[in-house]
Amino acid sequence: MTGGTTPTTLCNLVRGQSDPFVNAWTTYRGLRLWIMTAARPTRAHGGTPGRIVKADYGGVVVASGGPRDGDDRGVVLLQVRTETGPPVRALDYFAAFGEYLH
């Protein structure tokens, strides 16, 4: 999740790169993490792009984009998968907030 990428673009990428295709992915704590499902929150969540902000909307909110983009809501990760594990709820996977996805 890189700076300058809008939440709409990220959600469309996740939706477009879903099974049976290679899923969208990022890294967390140095390991690849596939994003299985994501959504846009209904209100803005500011912060440095890639920062895990909070648990809300049934998932984990990650900051992305910014007010200058006119699209500063962030992205809600709903389901993720590690390289070796099955898909899990993002709420169950992320134990800490304030960390970053790269």
PDB file of N, CA and C in Angstrom:
ATOM      1  N   MET A   1       0.844  -1.159   0.000  1.00  0.00           N
ATOM      2  CA  MET A   1       0.000   0.000   0.000  1.00  0.00           C
ATOM      3  C   MET A   1       0.890   1.222   0.000  1.00  0.00           C
ATOM      4  N   THR A   2       1.025   1.792  -1.136  1.00  0.00           N
ATOM      5  CA  THR A   2       1.956   2.887  -1.284  1.00  0.00           C
ATOM      6  C   THR A   2       1.246   4.215  -1.238  1.00  0.00           C
ATOM      7  N   GLY A   3       1.986   5.251  -0.861  1.00  0.00           N
ATOM      8  CA  GLY A   3       1.430   6.585  -0.824  1.00  0.00           C
ATOM      9  C   GLY A   3       0.978   7.034  -2.192  1.00  0.00           C
ATOM     10  N   GLY A   4      -0.108   7.804  -2.248  1.00  0.00           N
ATOM     11  CA  GLY A   4      -0.605   8.318  -3.499  1.00  0.00           C
ATOM     12  C   GLY A   4      -1.603   7.412  -4.198  1.00  0.00           C
ATOM     13  N   THR A   5      -1.779   6.203  -3.707  1.00  0.00           N
ATOM     14  CA  THR A   5      -2.764   5.302  -4.281  1.00  0.00           C
ATOM     15  C   THR A   5      -4.083   5.523  -3.561  1.00  0.00           C
ATOM     16  N   THR A   6      -5.132   5.829  -4.305  1.00  0.00           N
ATOM     17  CA  THR A   6      -6.401   6.142  -3.653  1.00  0.00           C
ATOM     18  C   THR A   6      -7.097   4.883  -3.155  1.00  0.00           C
ATOM     19  N   PRO A   7      -7.943   5.028  -2.129  1.00  0.00           N
ATOM     20  CA  PRO A   7      -8.708   3.893  -1.627  1.00  0.00           C
ATOM     21  C   PRO A   7      -9.559   3.227  -2.703  1.00  0.00           C
ATOM     22  N   THR A   8     -10.137   4.008  -3.585  1.00  0.00           N
ATOM     23  CA  THR A   8     -10.951   3.435  -4.656  1.00  0.00           C
ATOM     24  C   THR A   8     -10.095   2.535  -5.539  1.00  0.00           C
ATOM     25  N   THR A   9      -8.912   2.990  -5.891  1.00  0.00           N
ATOM     26  CA  THR A   9      -7.997   2.194  -6.709  1.00  0.00           C
ATOM     27  C   THR A   9      -7.620   0.907  -5.993  1.00  0.00           C
ATOM     28  N   LEU A  10      -7.317   0.989  -4.694  1.00  0.00           N
ATOM     29  CA  LEU A  10      -6.941  -0.202  -3.932  1.00  0.00           C
ATOM     30  C   LEU A  10      -8.082  -1.209  -3.853  1.00  0.00           C
ATOM     31  N   CYS A  11      -9.283  -0.751  -3.571  1.00  0.00           N
ATOM     32  CA  CYS A  11     -10.435  -1.670  -3.491  1.00  0.00           C
ATOM     33  C   CYS A  11     -10.710  -2.317  -4.836  1.00  0.00           C
ATOM     34  N   ASN A  12     -10.580  -1.548  -5.911  1.00  0.00           N
ATOM     35  CA  ASN A  12     -10.777  -2.114  -7.249  1.00  0.00           C
ATOM     36  C   ASN A  12      -9.701  -3.148  -7.572  1.00  0.00           C
ATOM     37  N   LEU A  13      -8.466  -2.895  -7.148  1.00  0.00           N
ATOM     38  CA  LEU A  13      -7.390  -3.861  -7.363  1.00  0.00           C
ATOM     39  C   LEU A  13      -7.671  -5.164  -6.627  1.00  0.00           C
ATOM     40  N   VAL A  14      -8.081  -5.063  -5.368  1.00  0.00           N
ATOM     41  CA  VAL A  14      -8.385  -6.269  -4.587  1.00  0.00           C
ATOM     42  C   VAL A  14      -9.515  -7.048  -5.236  1.00  0.00           C
ATOM     43  N   ARG A  15     -10.571  -6.354  -5.636  1.00  0.00           N
ATOM     44  CA  ARG A  15     -11.709  -7.022  -6.273  1.00  0.00           C
ATOM     45  C   ARG A  15     -11.318  -7.651  -7.606  1.00  0.00           C
ATOM     46  N   GLY A  16     -10.503  -6.943  -8.400  1.00  0.00           N
ATOM     47  CA  GLY A  16     -10.088  -7.441  -9.707  1.00  0.00           C
ATOM     48  C   GLY A  16      -9.078  -8.580  -9.624  1.00  0.00           C
ATOM     49  N   GLN A  17      -8.310  -8.604  -8.571  1.00  0.00           N
ATOM     50  CA  GLN A  17      -7.290  -9.640  -8.388  1.00  0.00           C
ATOM     51  C   GLN A  17      -7.773 -10.668  -7.371  1.00  0.00           C
ATOM     52  N   SER A  18      -8.950 -11.175  -7.559  1.00  0.00           N
ATOM     53  CA  SER A  18      -9.486 -12.179  -6.640  1.00  0.00           C
ATOM     54  C   SER A  18      -9.427 -13.553  -7.301  1.00  0.00           C
ATOM     55  N   ASP A  19      -9.654 -14.593  -6.500  1.00  0.00           N
ATOM     56  CA  ASP A  19      -9.609 -15.960  -7.021  1.00  0.00           C
ATOM     57  C   ASP A  19     -10.502 -16.085  -8.251  1.00  0.00           C
ATOM     58  N   PRO A  20     -10.075 -16.759  -9.273  1.00  0.00           N
ATOM     59  CA  PRO A  20      -8.962 -17.692  -9.371  1.00  0.00           C
ATOM     60  C   PRO A  20      -7.649 -17.030  -9.782  1.00  0.00           C
ATOM     61  N   PHE A  21      -7.576 -15.711  -9.836  1.00  0.00           N
ATOM     62  CA  PHE A  21      -6.356 -15.012 -10.219  1.00  0.00           C
ATOM     63  C   PHE A  21      -5.462 -14.813  -9.003  1.00  0.00           C
ATOM     64  N   VAL A  22      -4.233 -14.387  -9.259  1.00  0.00           N
ATOM     65  CA  VAL A  22      -3.319 -14.053  -8.167  1.00  0.00           C
ATOM     66  C   VAL A  22      -3.908 -12.876  -7.399  1.00  0.00           C
ATOM     67  N   ASN A  23      -3.967 -12.987  -6.094  1.00  0.00           N
ATOM     68  CA  ASN A  23      -4.571 -11.953  -5.264  1.00  0.00           C
ATOM     69  C   ASN A  23      -3.641 -10.754  -5.064  1.00  0.00           C
ATOM     70  N   ALA A  24      -4.255  -9.605  -4.773  1.00  0.00           N
ATOM     71  CA  ALA A  24      -3.489  -8.413  -4.407  1.00  0.00           C
ATOM     72  C   ALA A  24      -2.752  -8.727  -3.110  1.00  0.00           C
ATOM     73  N   TRP A  25      -1.559  -8.149  -2.939  1.00  0.00           N
ATOM     74  CA  TRP A  25      -0.809  -8.439  -1.733  1.00  0.00           C
ATOM     75  C   TRP A  25      -0.010  -7.231  -1.281  1.00  0.00           C
ATOM     76  N   THR A  26       0.442  -7.300  -0.050  1.00  0.00           N
ATOM     77  CA  THR A  26       1.299  -6.297   0.563  1.00  0.00           C
ATOM     78  C   THR A  26       2.268  -7.056   1.457  1.00  0.00           C
ATOM     79  N   THR A  27       3.067  -6.359   2.223  1.00  0.00           N
ATOM     80  CA  THR A  27       3.906  -7.043   3.207  1.00  0.00           C
ATOM     81  C   THR A  27       3.609  -6.486   4.591  1.00  0.00           C
ATOM     82  N   TYR A  28       3.720  -7.349   5.565  1.00  0.00           N
ATOM     83  CA  TYR A  28       3.494  -6.989   6.964  1.00  0.00           C
ATOM     84  C   TYR A  28       4.515  -7.748   7.795  1.00  0.00           C
ATOM     85  N   ARG A  29       5.302  -6.992   8.550  1.00  0.00           N
ATOM     86  CA  ARG A  29       6.381  -7.583   9.353  1.00  0.00           C
ATOM     87  C   ARG A  29       7.316  -8.433   8.497  1.00  0.00           C
ATOM     88  N   GLY A  30       7.568  -7.971   7.288  1.00  0.00           N
ATOM     89  CA  GLY A  30       8.511  -8.624   6.392  1.00  0.00           C
ATOM     90  C   GLY A  30       7.989  -9.835   5.640  1.00  0.00           C
ATOM     91  N   LEU A  31       6.720 -10.182   5.837  1.00  0.00           N
ATOM     92  CA  LEU A  31       6.144 -11.348   5.163  1.00  0.00           C
ATOM     93  C   LEU A  31       5.043 -10.916   4.202  1.00  0.00           C
ATOM     94  N   ARG A  32       4.893 -11.647   3.113  1.00  0.00           N
ATOM     95  CA  ARG A  32       3.841 -11.348   2.140  1.00  0.00           C
ATOM     96  C   ARG A  32       2.476 -11.678   2.735  1.00  0.00           C
ATOM     97  N   LEU A  33       1.538 -10.773   2.511  1.00  0.00           N
ATOM     98  CA  LEU A  33       0.181 -10.923   3.020  1.00  0.00           C
ATOM     99  C   LEU A  33      -0.785 -10.638   1.882  1.00  0.00           C
ATOM    100  N   TRP A  34      -1.581 -11.632   1.518  1.00  0.00           N
ATOM    101  CA  TRP A  34      -2.558 -11.466   0.450  1.00  0.00           C
ATOM    102  C   TRP A  34      -3.829 -10.841   1.018  1.00  0.00           C
ATOM    103  N   ILE A  35      -4.359  -9.870   0.288  1.00  0.00           N
ATOM    104  CA  ILE A  35      -5.602  -9.199   0.674  1.00  0.00           C
ATOM    105  C   ILE A  35      -6.719  -9.878  -0.112  1.00  0.00           C
ATOM    106  N   MET A  36      -7.556 -10.616   0.588  1.00  0.00           N
ATOM    107  CA  MET A  36      -8.611 -11.380  -0.079  1.00  0.00           C
ATOM    108  C   MET A  36      -9.851 -10.526  -0.343  1.00  0.00           C
ATOM    109  N   THR A  37     -10.272  -9.737   0.645  1.00  0.00           N
ATOM    110  CA  THR A  37     -11.414  -8.834   0.461  1.00  0.00           C
ATOM    111  C   THR A  37     -11.156  -7.529   1.206  1.00  0.00           C
ATOM    112  N   ALA A  38     -11.662  -6.454   0.623  1.00  0.00           N
ATOM    113  CA  ALA A  38     -11.498  -5.120   1.204  1.00  0.00           C
ATOM    114  C   ALA A  38     -12.714  -4.279   0.845  1.00  0.00           C
ATOM    115  N   ALA A  39     -12.901  -3.192   1.569  1.00  0.00           N
ATOM    116  CA  ALA A  39     -14.017  -2.280   1.326  1.00  0.00           C
ATOM    117  C   ALA A  39     -13.581  -0.863   1.686  1.00  0.00           C
ATOM    118  N   ARG A  40     -14.413   0.093   1.331  1.00  0.00           N
ATOM    119  CA  ARG A  40     -14.159   1.491   1.701  1.00  0.00           C
ATOM    120  C   ARG A  40     -14.987   1.839   2.918  1.00  0.00           C
ATOM    121  N   PRO A  41     -14.415   2.532   3.895  1.00  0.00           N
ATOM    122  CA  PRO A  41     -15.199   2.976   5.050  1.00  0.00           C
ATOM    123  C   PRO A  41     -16.125   4.128   4.650  1.00  0.00           C
ATOM    124  N   THR A  42     -17.096   4.404   5.497  1.00  0.00           N
ATOM    125  CA  THR A  42     -18.050   5.464   5.179  1.00  0.00           C
ATOM    126  C   THR A  42     -17.563   6.844   5.593  1.00  0.00           C
ATOM    127  N   ARG A  43     -16.519   6.914   6.395  1.00  0.00           N
ATOM    128  CA  ARG A  43     -15.981   8.219   6.783  1.00  0.00           C
ATOM    129  C   ARG A  43     -14.463   8.219   6.632  1.00  0.00           C
ATOM    130  N   ALA A  44     -13.880   9.415   6.641  1.00  0.00           N
ATOM    131  CA  ALA A  44     -12.438   9.565   6.442  1.00  0.00           C
ATOM    132  C   ALA A  44     -11.650   9.071   7.656  1.00  0.00           C
ATOM    133  N   HIS A  45     -10.512   8.461   7.369  1.00  0.00           N
ATOM    134  CA  HIS A  45      -9.554   8.033   8.386  1.00  0.00           C
ATOM    135  C   HIS A  45      -8.191   8.500   7.920  1.00  0.00           C
ATOM    136  N   GLY A  46      -7.672   9.535   8.569  1.00  0.00           N
ATOM    137  CA  GLY A  46      -6.392  10.095   8.166  1.00  0.00           C
ATOM    138  C   GLY A  46      -5.218   9.295   8.700  1.00  0.00           C
ATOM    139  N   GLY A  47      -4.056   9.643   8.219  1.00  0.00           N
ATOM    140  CA  GLY A  47      -2.834   9.009   8.681  1.00  0.00           C
ATOM    141  C   GLY A  47      -1.885   8.747   7.539  1.00  0.00           C
ATOM    142  N   THR A  48      -0.698   8.369   7.891  1.00  0.00           N
ATOM    143  CA  THR A  48       0.308   8.023   6.903  1.00  0.00           C
ATOM    144  C   THR A  48      -0.164   6.816   6.100  1.00  0.00           C
ATOM    145  N   PRO A  49      -0.112   6.861   4.762  1.00  0.00           N
ATOM    146  CA  PRO A  49      -0.538   5.708   3.966  1.00  0.00           C
ATOM    147  C   PRO A  49       0.169   4.424   4.398  1.00  0.00           C
ATOM    148  N   GLY A  50      -0.620   3.373   4.557  1.00  0.00           N
ATOM    149  CA  GLY A  50      -0.098   2.085   4.992  1.00  0.00           C
ATOM    150  C   GLY A  50      -0.218   1.850   6.480  1.00  0.00           C
ATOM    151  N   ARG A  51      -0.545   2.874   7.252  1.00  0.00           N
ATOM    152  CA  ARG A  51      -0.663   2.733   8.706  1.00  0.00           C
ATOM    153  C   ARG A  51      -1.967   2.026   9.066  1.00  0.00           C
ATOM    154  N   ILE A  52      -1.871   1.023   9.920  1.00  0.00           N
ATOM    155  CA  ILE A  52      -3.044   0.305  10.412  1.00  0.00           C
ATOM    156  C   ILE A  52      -3.666   1.185  11.483  1.00  0.00           C
ATOM    157  N   VAL A  53      -4.856   1.711  11.210  1.00  0.00           N
ATOM    158  CA  VAL A  53      -5.462   2.740  12.056  1.00  0.00           C
ATOM    159  C   VAL A  53      -6.276   2.170  13.204  1.00  0.00           C
ATOM    160  N   LYS A  54      -7.258   1.317  12.889  1.00  0.00           N
ATOM    161  CA  LYS A  54      -8.157   0.823  13.937  1.00  0.00           C
ATOM    162  C   LYS A  54      -9.030  -0.307  13.417  1.00  0.00           C
ATOM    163  N   ALA A  55      -9.699  -0.965  14.354  1.00  0.00           N
ATOM    164  CA  ALA A  55     -10.701  -1.974  13.998  1.00  0.00           C
ATOM    165  C   ALA A  55     -12.034  -1.262  13.860  1.00  0.00           C
ATOM    166  N   ASP A  56     -12.690  -1.453  12.727  1.00  0.00           N
ATOM    167  CA  ASP A  56     -13.989  -0.829  12.483  1.00  0.00           C
ATOM    168  C   ASP A  56     -14.592  -1.438  11.219  1.00  0.00           C
ATOM    169  N   TYR A  57     -15.878  -1.279  11.014  1.00  0.00           N
ATOM    170  CA  TYR A  57     -16.573  -1.749   9.811  1.00  0.00           C
ATOM    171  C   TYR A  57     -16.426  -3.256   9.596  1.00  0.00           C
ATOM    172  N   GLY A  58     -16.204  -4.002  10.656  1.00  0.00           N
ATOM    173  CA  GLY A  58     -16.053  -5.441  10.533  1.00  0.00           C
ATOM    174  C   GLY A  58     -14.685  -5.868  10.040  1.00  0.00           C
ATOM    175  N   GLY A  59     -13.732  -4.948  10.009  1.00  0.00           N
ATOM    176  CA  GLY A  59     -12.389  -5.251   9.542  1.00  0.00           C
ATOM    177  C   GLY A  59     -11.371  -4.333  10.181  1.00  0.00           C
ATOM    178  N   VAL A  60     -10.271  -4.124   9.486  1.00  0.00           N
ATOM    179  CA  VAL A  60      -9.172  -3.298   9.964  1.00  0.00           C
ATOM    180  C   VAL A  60      -8.972  -2.149   8.985  1.00  0.00           C
ATOM    181  N   VAL A  61      -9.042  -0.908   9.475  1.00  0.00           N
ATOM    182  CA  VAL A  61      -8.890   0.270   8.629  1.00  0.00           C
ATOM    183  C   VAL A  61      -7.403   0.581   8.461  1.00  0.00           C
ATOM    184  N   VAL A  62      -6.994   0.767   7.192  1.00  0.00           N
ATOM    185  CA  VAL A  62      -5.627   1.142   6.858  1.00  0.00           C
ATOM    186  C   VAL A  62      -5.691   2.484   6.131  1.00  0.00           C
ATOM    187  N   ALA A  63      -4.885   3.453   6.568  1.00  0.00           N
ATOM    188  CA  ALA A  63      -4.863   4.763   5.920  1.00  0.00           C
ATOM    189  C   ALA A  63      -4.294   4.642   4.519  1.00  0.00           C
ATOM    190  N   SER A  64      -4.861   5.416   3.587  1.00  0.00           N
ATOM    191  CA  SER A  64      -4.346   5.469   2.219  1.00  0.00           C
ATOM    192  C   SER A  64      -4.847   6.743   1.575  1.00  0.00           C
ATOM    193  N   GLY A  65      -4.158   7.193   0.560  1.00  0.00           N
ATOM    194  CA  GLY A  65      -4.572   8.434  -0.089  1.00  0.00           C
ATOM    195  C   GLY A  65      -4.402   9.598   0.866  1.00  0.00           C
ATOM    196  N   GLY A  66      -5.090  10.669   0.615  1.00  0.00           N
ATOM    197  CA  GLY A  66      -5.007  11.835   1.470  1.00  0.00           C
ATOM    198  C   GLY A  66      -5.972  12.898   1.015  1.00  0.00           C
ATOM    199  N   PRO A  67      -6.178  13.933   1.847  1.00  0.00           N
ATOM    200  CA  PRO A  67      -7.121  14.989   1.490  1.00  0.00           C
ATOM    201  C   PRO A  67      -6.813  15.635   0.144  1.00  0.00           C
ATOM    202  N   ARG A  68      -5.540  15.720  -0.201  1.00  0.00           N
ATOM    203  CA  ARG A  68      -5.190  16.329  -1.492  1.00  0.00           C
ATOM    204  C   ARG A  68      -5.727  15.513  -2.662  1.00  0.00           C
ATOM    205  N   ASP A  69      -5.962  14.204  -2.421  1.00  0.00           N
ATOM    206  CA  ASP A  69      -6.500  13.339  -3.460  1.00  0.00           C
ATOM    207  C   ASP A  69      -8.024  13.451  -3.549  1.00  0.00           C
ATOM    208  N   GLY A  70      -8.645  14.051  -2.507  1.00  0.00           N
ATOM    209  CA  GLY A  70     -10.089  14.086  -2.438  1.00  0.00           C
ATOM    210  C   GLY A  70     -10.659  12.713  -2.101  1.00  0.00           C
ATOM    211  N   ASP A  71      -9.813  11.817  -1.616  1.00  0.00           N
ATOM    212  CA  ASP A  71     -10.228  10.439  -1.348  1.00  0.00           C
ATOM    213  C   ASP A  71      -9.418   9.924  -0.155  1.00  0.00           C
ATOM    214  N   ASP A  72      -9.721  10.441   1.036  1.00  0.00           N
ATOM    215  CA  ASP A  72      -8.897  10.151   2.211  1.00  0.00           C
ATOM    216  C   ASP A  72      -9.563   9.201   3.201  1.00  0.00           C
ATOM    217  N   ARG A  73     -10.432   8.341   2.737  1.00  0.00           N
ATOM    218  CA  ARG A  73     -11.169   7.465   3.646  1.00  0.00           C
ATOM    219  C   ARG A  73     -10.360   6.300   4.172  1.00  0.00           C
ATOM    220  N   GLY A  74      -9.398   5.838   3.438  1.00  0.00           N
ATOM    221  CA  GLY A  74      -8.661   4.643   3.811  1.00  0.00           C
ATOM    222  C   GLY A  74      -9.308   3.413   3.199  1.00  0.00           C
ATOM    223  N   VAL A  75      -8.833   2.259   3.609  1.00  0.00           N
ATOM    224  CA  VAL A  75      -9.327   0.986   3.105  1.00  0.00           C
ATOM    225  C   VAL A  75      -9.579   0.075   4.294  1.00  0.00           C
ATOM    226  N   VAL A  76     -10.666  -0.681   4.244  1.00  0.00           N
ATOM    227  CA  VAL A  76     -10.960  -1.650   5.293  1.00  0.00           C
ATOM    228  C   VAL A  76     -10.577  -3.033   4.778  1.00  0.00           C
ATOM    229  N   LEU A  77      -9.595  -3.645   5.420  1.00  0.00           N
ATOM    230  CA  LEU A  77      -9.233  -5.016   5.080  1.00  0.00           C
ATOM    231  C   LEU A  77     -10.184  -5.938   5.823  1.00  0.00           C
ATOM    232  N   LEU A  78     -10.861  -6.796   5.094  1.00  0.00           N
ATOM    233  CA  LEU A  78     -11.843  -7.690   5.700  1.00  0.00           C
ATOM    234  C   LEU A  78     -11.316  -9.112   5.865  1.00  0.00           C
ATOM    235  N   GLN A  79     -10.575  -9.583   4.863  1.00  0.00           N
ATOM    236  CA  GLN A  79     -10.048 -10.942   4.918  1.00  0.00           C
ATOM    237  C   GLN A  79      -8.654 -10.949   4.296  1.00  0.00           C
ATOM    238  N   VAL A  80      -7.718 -11.640   4.981  1.00  0.00           N
ATOM    239  CA  VAL A  80      -6.333 -11.729   4.515  1.00  0.00           C
ATOM    240  C   VAL A  80      -5.873 -13.180   4.574  1.00  0.00           C
ATOM    241  N   ARG A  81      -4.730 -13.425   3.921  1.00  0.00           N
ATOM    242  CA  ARG A  81      -4.163 -14.780   3.934  1.00  0.00           C
ATOM    243  C   ARG A  81      -2.644 -14.665   3.915  1.00  0.00           C
ATOM    244  N   THR A  82      -1.977 -15.469   4.735  1.00  0.00           N
ATOM    245  CA  THR A  82      -0.522 -15.519   4.721  1.00  0.00           C
ATOM    246  C   THR A  82      -0.063 -16.477   3.628  1.00  0.00           C
ATOM    247  N   GLU A  83       1.255 -16.556   3.444  1.00  0.00           N
ATOM    248  CA  GLU A  83       1.800 -17.449   2.416  1.00  0.00           C
ATOM    249  C   GLU A  83       1.480 -18.913   2.699  1.00  0.00           C
ATOM    250  N   THR A  84       1.334 -19.269   3.960  1.00  0.00           N
ATOM    251  CA  THR A  84       1.153 -20.678   4.311  1.00  0.00           C
ATOM    252  C   THR A  84      -0.184 -21.006   4.950  1.00  0.00           C
ATOM    253  N   GLY A  85      -1.024 -19.996   5.164  1.00  0.00           N
ATOM    254  CA  GLY A  85      -2.264 -20.258   5.882  1.00  0.00           C
ATOM    255  C   GLY A  85      -3.517 -20.053   5.064  1.00  0.00           C
ATOM    256  N   PRO A  86      -4.636 -20.428   5.631  1.00  0.00           N
ATOM    257  CA  PRO A  86      -5.922 -20.217   4.967  1.00  0.00           C
ATOM    258  C   PRO A  86      -6.382 -18.765   5.162  1.00  0.00           C
ATOM    259  N   PRO A  87      -7.374 -18.315   4.404  1.00  0.00           N
ATOM    260  CA  PRO A  87      -7.919 -16.983   4.610  1.00  0.00           C
ATOM    261  C   PRO A  87      -8.510 -16.852   6.022  1.00  0.00           C
ATOM    262  N   VAL A  88      -8.265 -15.691   6.639  1.00  0.00           N
ATOM    263  CA  VAL A  88      -8.799 -15.400   7.969  1.00  0.00           C
ATOM    264  C   VAL A  88      -9.341 -13.979   7.983  1.00  0.00           C
ATOM    265  N   ARG A  89     -10.194 -13.712   8.947  1.00  0.00           N
ATOM    266  CA  ARG A  89     -10.684 -12.337   9.117  1.00  0.00           C
ATOM    267  C   ARG A  89      -9.513 -11.443   9.495  1.00  0.00           C
ATOM    268  N   ALA A  90      -9.455 -10.263   8.890  1.00  0.00           N
ATOM    269  CA  ALA A  90      -8.378  -9.327   9.202  1.00  0.00           C
ATOM    270  C   ALA A  90      -8.387  -8.974  10.692  1.00  0.00           C
ATOM    271  N   LEU A  91      -9.568  -8.891  11.286  1.00  0.00           N
ATOM    272  CA  LEU A  91      -9.655  -8.616  12.732  1.00  0.00           C
ATOM    273  C   LEU A  91      -8.936  -9.674  13.551  1.00  0.00           C
ATOM    274  N   ASP A  92      -8.978 -10.909  13.103  1.00  0.00           N
ATOM    275  CA  ASP A  92      -8.302 -11.989  13.817  1.00  0.00           C
ATOM    276  C   ASP A  92      -6.798 -12.003  13.549  1.00  0.00           C
ATOM    277  N   TYR A  93      -6.385 -11.532  12.393  1.00  0.00           N
ATOM    278  CA  TYR A  93      -4.977 -11.574  12.016  1.00  0.00           C
ATOM    279  C   TYR A  93      -4.158 -10.461  12.677  1.00  0.00           C
ATOM    280  N   PHE A  94      -4.675  -9.245  12.639  1.00  0.00           N
ATOM    281  CA  PHE A  94      -3.918  -8.104  13.170  1.00  0.00           C
ATOM    282  C   PHE A  94      -4.171  -7.947  14.665  1.00  0.00           C
ATOM    283  N   ALA A  95      -3.109  -8.136  15.436  1.00  0.00           N
ATOM    284  CA  ALA A  95      -3.222  -8.010  16.890  1.00  0.00           C
ATOM    285  C   ALA A  95      -2.868  -6.594  17.347  1.00  0.00           C
ATOM    286  N   ALA A  96      -2.103  -5.858  16.544  1.00  0.00           N
ATOM    287  CA  ALA A  96      -1.638  -4.527  16.944  1.00  0.00           C
ATOM    288  C   ALA A  96      -2.060  -3.485  15.918  1.00  0.00           C
ATOM    289  N   PHE A  97      -2.283  -2.297  16.401  1.00  0.00           N
ATOM    290  CA  PHE A  97      -2.600  -1.178  15.529  1.00  0.00           C
ATOM    291  C   PHE A  97      -1.478  -0.146  15.633  1.00  0.00           C
ATOM    292  N   GLY A  98      -1.351   0.716  14.645  1.00  0.00           N
ATOM    293  CA  GLY A  98      -0.275   1.696  14.626  1.00  0.00           C
ATOM    294  C   GLY A  98       0.941   1.181  13.878  1.00  0.00           C
ATOM    295  N   GLU A  99       0.907  -0.067  13.409  1.00  0.00           N
ATOM    296  CA  GLU A  99       1.990  -0.606  12.599  1.00  0.00           C
ATOM    297  C   GLU A  99       1.710  -0.280  11.130  1.00  0.00           C
ATOM    298  N   TYR A 100       2.599  -0.714  10.257  1.00  0.00           N
ATOM    299  CA  TYR A 100       2.483  -0.349   8.842  1.00  0.00           C
ATOM    300  C   TYR A 100       2.500  -1.555   7.926  1.00  0.00           C
ATOM    301  N   LEU A 101       1.740  -1.444   6.831  1.00  0.00           N
ATOM    302  CA  LEU A 101       1.828  -2.383   5.713  1.00  0.00           C
ATOM    303  C   LEU A 101       2.759  -1.726   4.698  1.00  0.00           C
ATOM    304  N   HIS A 102       3.548  -2.517   4.002  1.00  0.00           N
ATOM    305  CA  HIS A 102       4.508  -1.953   3.033  1.00  0.00           C
ATOM    306  C   HIS A 102       4.214  -2.476   1.649  1.00  0.00           C
TER     307      HIS A 102
END
